[in-house]
């Protein structure tokens, strides 16, 4: 099955603050906790079981507050956070990985990615943008669509926890958006 691409349209999105409640559909917002706390629901609930974890610092340059593509990682949770405490932004849409026999959903037909899984392309009207306060990080549920990180400065370093082959198995689907 091939993805049908529509002409991009400009959508203005108003960011909301990422809180555990506002972001729950897409993942988790993780804040500092006292040393010695036991593992619990306030900690990132990770699934890195389908490959070798990769934890690294990525330097991003010129990521203005607009995006035209969105991507997902079907097999892995992902953690992102800014280094140095600056606020940042992330566009997201709910996970939409399906089995190949799912059929249409709201006029969307499942598409097979180059990695082999099937997904429903995200509906641009369902994309949300979150502002992430600098000292917090996000854990994305497996399959969550995301665009960013985005930020207001010229350069910002982020830590990123994903699988070692995540970027070689991702699929991008273009949408137009600005916030």
C-alpha atoms as a PDB file:
ATOM      1  CA  UNK A   1       0.000   0.000   0.000  1.00  0.00           C
ATOM      2  CA  UNK A   2       1.331   3.433  -0.844  1.00  0.00           C
ATOM      3  CA  UNK A   3       0.722   6.631   1.075  1.00  0.00           C
ATOM      4  CA  UNK A   4      -1.340   9.203  -0.731  1.00  0.00           C
ATOM      5  CA  UNK A   5       0.064  12.642  -0.142  1.00  0.00           C
ATOM      6  CA  UNK A   6      -2.135  15.689   0.065  1.00  0.00           C
ATOM      7  CA  UNK A   7      -0.931  19.191  -0.634  1.00  0.00           C
ATOM      8  CA  UNK A   8       0.360  20.704   2.620  1.00  0.00           C
ATOM      9  CA  UNK A   9      -1.891  23.223   4.285  1.00  0.00           C
ATOM     10  CA  UNK A  10      -0.880  25.736   6.923  1.00  0.00           C
ATOM     11  CA  UNK A  11      -2.359  25.035  10.347  1.00  0.00           C
ATOM     12  CA  UNK A  12      -1.772  27.309  13.335  1.00  0.00           C
ATOM     13  CA  UNK A  13      -1.414  25.391  16.578  1.00  0.00           C
ATOM     14  CA  UNK A  14      -1.345  26.933  20.042  1.00  0.00           C
ATOM     15  CA  UNK A  15       1.070  25.159  22.370  1.00  0.00           C
ATOM     16  CA  UNK A  16      -0.110  23.947  25.759  1.00  0.00           C
ATOM     17  CA  UNK A  17       2.162  23.113  28.662  1.00  0.00           C
ATOM     18  CA  UNK A  18       3.147  19.470  28.827  1.00  0.00           C
ATOM     19  CA  UNK A  19       1.858  18.123  32.133  1.00  0.00           C
ATOM     20  CA  UNK A  20       1.346  14.496  33.142  1.00  0.00           C
ATOM     21  CA  UNK A  21      -2.381  14.959  32.493  1.00  0.00           C
ATOM     22  CA  UNK A  22      -2.231  16.920  29.219  1.00  0.00           C
ATOM     23  CA  UNK A  23       0.426  14.658  27.676  1.00  0.00           C
ATOM     24  CA  UNK A  24      -0.848  11.256  28.926  1.00  0.00           C
ATOM     25  CA  UNK A  25      -2.269  10.225  25.540  1.00  0.00           C
ATOM     26  CA  UNK A  26       1.147  10.562  23.918  1.00  0.00           C
ATOM     27  CA  UNK A  27       3.537   9.547  26.685  1.00  0.00           C
ATOM     28  CA  UNK A  28       4.792  10.773  30.016  1.00  0.00           C
ATOM     29  CA  UNK A  29       6.175  14.005  31.427  1.00  0.00           C
ATOM     30  CA  UNK A  30       8.992  13.197  33.818  1.00  0.00           C
ATOM     31  CA  UNK A  31      10.211  15.597  36.503  1.00  0.00           C
ATOM     32  CA  UNK A  32      12.955  15.352  39.104  1.00  0.00           C
ATOM     33  CA  UNK A  33      12.323  13.030  42.023  1.00  0.00           C
ATOM     34  CA  UNK A  34      14.283  12.565  45.240  1.00  0.00           C
ATOM     35  CA  UNK A  35      17.258  10.230  45.088  1.00  0.00           C
ATOM     36  CA  UNK A  36      16.348   6.868  46.562  1.00  0.00           C
ATOM     37  CA  UNK A  37      12.687   6.914  45.475  1.00  0.00           C
ATOM     38  CA  UNK A  38      11.438   3.509  44.406  1.00  0.00           C
ATOM     39  CA  UNK A  39      10.539   2.869  40.749  1.00  0.00           C
ATOM     40  CA  UNK A  40       6.913   3.746  40.090  1.00  0.00           C
ATOM     41  CA  UNK A  41       4.419   5.379  37.730  1.00  0.00           C
ATOM     42  CA  UNK A  42       6.206   8.743  38.025  1.00  0.00           C
ATOM     43  CA  UNK A  43       9.238   7.184  36.293  1.00  0.00           C
ATOM     44  CA  UNK A  44       9.565   6.684  32.534  1.00  0.00           C
ATOM     45  CA  UNK A  45       7.932   3.381  31.592  1.00  0.00           C
ATOM     46  CA  UNK A  46      10.356   2.290  28.869  1.00  0.00           C
ATOM     47  CA  UNK A  47      10.201  -0.410  26.219  1.00  0.00           C
ATOM     48  CA  UNK A  48      13.638  -0.845  24.655  1.00  0.00           C
ATOM     49  CA  UNK A  49      13.239  -4.603  24.209  1.00  0.00           C
ATOM     50  CA  UNK A  50      13.403  -4.665  20.396  1.00  0.00           C
ATOM     51  CA  UNK A  51      16.988  -3.594  19.965  1.00  0.00           C
ATOM     52  CA  UNK A  52      20.089  -2.080  21.477  1.00  0.00           C
ATOM     53  CA  UNK A  53      19.345   1.109  23.465  1.00  0.00           C
ATOM     54  CA  UNK A  54      21.133   4.255  22.364  1.00  0.00           C
ATOM     55  CA  UNK A  55      21.511   7.169  24.777  1.00  0.00           C
ATOM     56  CA  UNK A  56      23.214  10.200  23.309  1.00  0.00           C
ATOM     57  CA  UNK A  57      23.386  13.977  23.253  1.00  0.00           C
ATOM     58  CA  UNK A  58      22.217  15.518  20.020  1.00  0.00           C
ATOM     59  CA  UNK A  59      23.021  19.089  19.077  1.00  0.00           C
ATOM     60  CA  UNK A  60      20.181  20.663  17.120  1.00  0.00           C
ATOM     61  CA  UNK A  61      20.533  23.892  15.208  1.00  0.00           C
ATOM     62  CA  UNK A  62      17.896  26.211  13.839  1.00  0.00           C
ATOM     63  CA  UNK A  63      14.700  24.383  14.794  1.00  0.00           C
ATOM     64  CA  UNK A  64      12.166  27.230  14.597  1.00  0.00           C
ATOM     65  CA  UNK A  65       8.626  26.894  15.877  1.00  0.00           C
ATOM     66  CA  UNK A  66       7.192  25.356  12.700  1.00  0.00           C
ATOM     67  CA  UNK A  67       7.251  21.950  11.063  1.00  0.00           C
ATOM     68  CA  UNK A  68       6.163  20.276   7.870  1.00  0.00           C
ATOM     69  CA  UNK A  69       6.874  16.604   8.604  1.00  0.00           C
ATOM     70  CA  UNK A  70       6.001  14.291  11.440  1.00  0.00           C
ATOM     71  CA  UNK A  71       7.481  10.874  12.202  1.00  0.00           C
ATOM     72  CA  UNK A  72       6.993   7.916  14.515  1.00  0.00           C
ATOM     73  CA  UNK A  73       9.067   5.053  15.859  1.00  0.00           C
ATOM     74  CA  UNK A  74       6.768   2.030  15.852  1.00  0.00           C
ATOM     75  CA  UNK A  75       8.893  -0.312  17.971  1.00  0.00           C
ATOM     76  CA  UNK A  76      10.290   1.810  20.768  1.00  0.00           C
ATOM     77  CA  UNK A  77       9.546   4.344  23.447  1.00  0.00           C
ATOM     78  CA  UNK A  78      11.714   7.433  23.189  1.00  0.00           C
ATOM     79  CA  UNK A  79      12.902   9.965  25.762  1.00  0.00           C
ATOM     80  CA  UNK A  80      13.840  13.545  24.926  1.00  0.00           C
ATOM     81  CA  UNK A  81      14.954  16.402  27.165  1.00  0.00           C
ATOM     82  CA  UNK A  82      16.829  19.662  26.799  1.00  0.00           C
ATOM     83  CA  UNK A  83      20.198  20.065  28.446  1.00  0.00           C
ATOM     84  CA  UNK A  84      20.557  23.305  30.347  1.00  0.00           C
ATOM     85  CA  UNK A  85      16.936  23.829  31.308  1.00  0.00           C
ATOM     86  CA  UNK A  86      15.593  25.728  28.296  1.00  0.00           C
ATOM     87  CA  UNK A  87      11.948  25.353  27.334  1.00  0.00           C
ATOM     88  CA  UNK A  88      11.255  23.556  24.060  1.00  0.00           C
ATOM     89  CA  UNK A  89       8.307  22.404  21.957  1.00  0.00           C
ATOM     90  CA  UNK A  90       7.123  19.167  20.385  1.00  0.00           C
ATOM     91  CA  UNK A  91       4.316  18.510  17.920  1.00  0.00           C
ATOM     92  CA  UNK A  92       2.602  15.156  18.516  1.00  0.00           C
ATOM     93  CA  UNK A  93      -0.240  12.939  17.302  1.00  0.00           C
ATOM     94  CA  UNK A  94      -1.516   9.717  18.832  1.00  0.00           C
ATOM     95  CA  UNK A  95       0.093   6.392  17.910  1.00  0.00           C
ATOM     96  CA  UNK A  96      -1.538   4.788  14.881  1.00  0.00           C
ATOM     97  CA  UNK A  97       0.291   1.506  14.253  1.00  0.00           C
ATOM     98  CA  UNK A  98      -2.249  -1.107  13.088  1.00  0.00           C
ATOM     99  CA  UNK A  99      -2.228  -4.616  11.685  1.00  0.00           C
ATOM    100  CA  UNK A 100      -2.313  -4.994   7.906  1.00  0.00           C
ATOM    101  CA  UNK A 101      -5.969  -6.099   7.856  1.00  0.00           C
ATOM    102  CA  UNK A 102      -7.366  -3.118   9.767  1.00  0.00           C
ATOM    103  CA  UNK A 103      -9.142  -1.481   6.838  1.00  0.00           C
ATOM    104  CA  UNK A 104      -9.977   2.201   6.683  1.00  0.00           C
ATOM    105  CA  UNK A 105     -10.483   4.447   9.678  1.00  0.00           C
ATOM    106  CA  UNK A 106     -12.065   7.852   9.153  1.00  0.00           C
ATOM    107  CA  UNK A 107     -11.134   7.790   5.470  1.00  0.00           C
ATOM    108  CA  UNK A 108      -7.537   6.854   6.196  1.00  0.00           C
ATOM    109  CA  UNK A 109      -6.206   3.635   4.688  1.00  0.00           C
ATOM    110  CA  UNK A 110      -3.365   1.717   6.401  1.00  0.00           C
ATOM    111  CA  UNK A 111       0.048   2.279   4.829  1.00  0.00           C
ATOM    112  CA  UNK A 112       3.013  -0.081   5.038  1.00  0.00           C
ATOM    113  CA  UNK A 113       6.238   1.583   6.139  1.00  0.00           C
ATOM    114  CA  UNK A 114       9.651   0.679   4.703  1.00  0.00           C
ATOM    115  CA  UNK A 115      10.297  -1.026   8.072  1.00  0.00           C
ATOM    116  CA  UNK A 116       7.365  -3.387   7.430  1.00  0.00           C
ATOM    117  CA  UNK A 117       4.735  -2.237   9.933  1.00  0.00           C
ATOM    118  CA  UNK A 118       1.370  -0.717   9.001  1.00  0.00           C
ATOM    119  CA  UNK A 119       0.062   2.611  10.249  1.00  0.00           C
ATOM    120  CA  UNK A 120      -2.703   5.109   9.674  1.00  0.00           C
ATOM    121  CA  UNK A 121      -1.309   8.488   8.598  1.00  0.00           C
ATOM    122  CA  UNK A 122      -1.994  11.083  11.287  1.00  0.00           C
ATOM    123  CA  UNK A 123      -4.842  13.502  10.717  1.00  0.00           C
ATOM    124  CA  UNK A 124      -3.439  17.078  10.776  1.00  0.00           C
ATOM    125  CA  UNK A 125      -6.468  18.167  12.821  1.00  0.00           C
ATOM    126  CA  UNK A 126      -5.348  15.791  15.594  1.00  0.00           C
ATOM    127  CA  UNK A 127      -1.800  17.159  15.899  1.00  0.00           C
ATOM    128  CA  UNK A 128      -1.079  18.961  19.185  1.00  0.00           C
ATOM    129  CA  UNK A 129       1.904  21.081  20.215  1.00  0.00           C
ATOM    130  CA  UNK A 130       3.307  21.025  23.726  1.00  0.00           C
ATOM    131  CA  UNK A 131       5.693  23.383  25.495  1.00  0.00           C
ATOM    132  CA  UNK A 132       8.051  21.389  27.674  1.00  0.00           C
ATOM    133  CA  UNK A 133       9.441  23.257  30.687  1.00  0.00           C
ATOM    134  CA  UNK A 134      13.231  22.988  30.597  1.00  0.00           C
ATOM    135  CA  UNK A 135      13.896  20.785  33.640  1.00  0.00           C
ATOM    136  CA  UNK A 136      11.403  18.110  32.518  1.00  0.00           C
ATOM    137  CA  UNK A 137      11.686  15.456  29.830  1.00  0.00           C
ATOM    138  CA  UNK A 138       9.201  13.528  27.711  1.00  0.00           C
ATOM    139  CA  UNK A 139       8.844   9.798  27.251  1.00  0.00           C
ATOM    140  CA  UNK A 140       6.903   9.085  24.055  1.00  0.00           C
ATOM    141  CA  UNK A 141       4.743   5.982  23.836  1.00  0.00           C
ATOM    142  CA  UNK A 142       5.847   3.611  21.060  1.00  0.00           C
ATOM    143  CA  UNK A 143       4.347   4.786  17.770  1.00  0.00           C
ATOM    144  CA  UNK A 144       3.594   8.359  18.904  1.00  0.00           C
ATOM    145  CA  UNK A 145       3.949  10.740  15.977  1.00  0.00           C
ATOM    146  CA  UNK A 146       6.263  13.654  16.722  1.00  0.00           C
ATOM    147  CA  UNK A 147       7.779  16.724  15.103  1.00  0.00           C
ATOM    148  CA  UNK A 148      10.691  18.356  16.838  1.00  0.00           C
ATOM    149  CA  UNK A 149      12.198  19.139  19.240  1.00  0.00           C
ATOM    150  CA  UNK A 150      11.648  22.776  18.312  1.00  0.00           C
ATOM    151  CA  UNK A 151      13.018  25.789  20.192  1.00  0.00           C
ATOM    152  CA  UNK A 152      13.479  29.553  20.001  1.00  0.00           C
ATOM    153  CA  UNK A 153      17.280  29.808  20.089  1.00  0.00           C
ATOM    154  CA  UNK A 154      19.928  29.062  17.478  1.00  0.00           C
ATOM    155  CA  UNK A 155      21.314  25.855  19.022  1.00  0.00           C
ATOM    156  CA  UNK A 156      20.182  23.536  21.787  1.00  0.00           C
ATOM    157  CA  UNK A 157      21.512  20.214  23.054  1.00  0.00           C
ATOM    158  CA  UNK A 158      19.107  17.388  23.881  1.00  0.00           C
ATOM    159  CA  UNK A 159      19.577  13.994  25.369  1.00  0.00           C
ATOM    160  CA  UNK A 160      17.835  11.266  23.438  1.00  0.00           C
ATOM    161  CA  UNK A 161      17.113   7.677  24.474  1.00  0.00           C
ATOM    162  CA  UNK A 162      15.902   5.397  21.691  1.00  0.00           C
ATOM    163  CA  UNK A 163      17.138   2.285  19.892  1.00  0.00           C
ATOM    164  CA  UNK A 164      20.437   2.222  18.036  1.00  0.00           C
ATOM    165  CA  UNK A 165      18.611   1.653  14.712  1.00  0.00           C
ATOM    166  CA  UNK A 166      15.650   3.983  15.337  1.00  0.00           C
ATOM    167  CA  UNK A 167      16.599   6.549  12.728  1.00  0.00           C
ATOM    168  CA  UNK A 168      17.180   3.893  10.090  1.00  0.00           C
ATOM    169  CA  UNK A 169      13.662   2.493  10.505  1.00  0.00           C
ATOM    170  CA  UNK A 170      11.584   5.656  10.799  1.00  0.00           C
ATOM    171  CA  UNK A 171       8.957   6.835   8.357  1.00  0.00           C
ATOM    172  CA  UNK A 172       7.964  10.430   7.769  1.00  0.00           C
ATOM    173  CA  UNK A 173       4.601  11.666   6.639  1.00  0.00           C
ATOM    174  CA  UNK A 174       4.325  15.313   5.628  1.00  0.00           C
ATOM    175  CA  UNK A 175       1.784  17.686   7.109  1.00  0.00           C
ATOM    176  CA  UNK A 176       1.815  21.452   7.211  1.00  0.00           C
ATOM    177  CA  UNK A 177       1.733  23.163  10.575  1.00  0.00           C
ATOM    178  CA  UNK A 178       3.032  26.215  12.356  1.00  0.00           C
ATOM    179  CA  UNK A 179       2.832  27.376  15.947  1.00  0.00           C
END
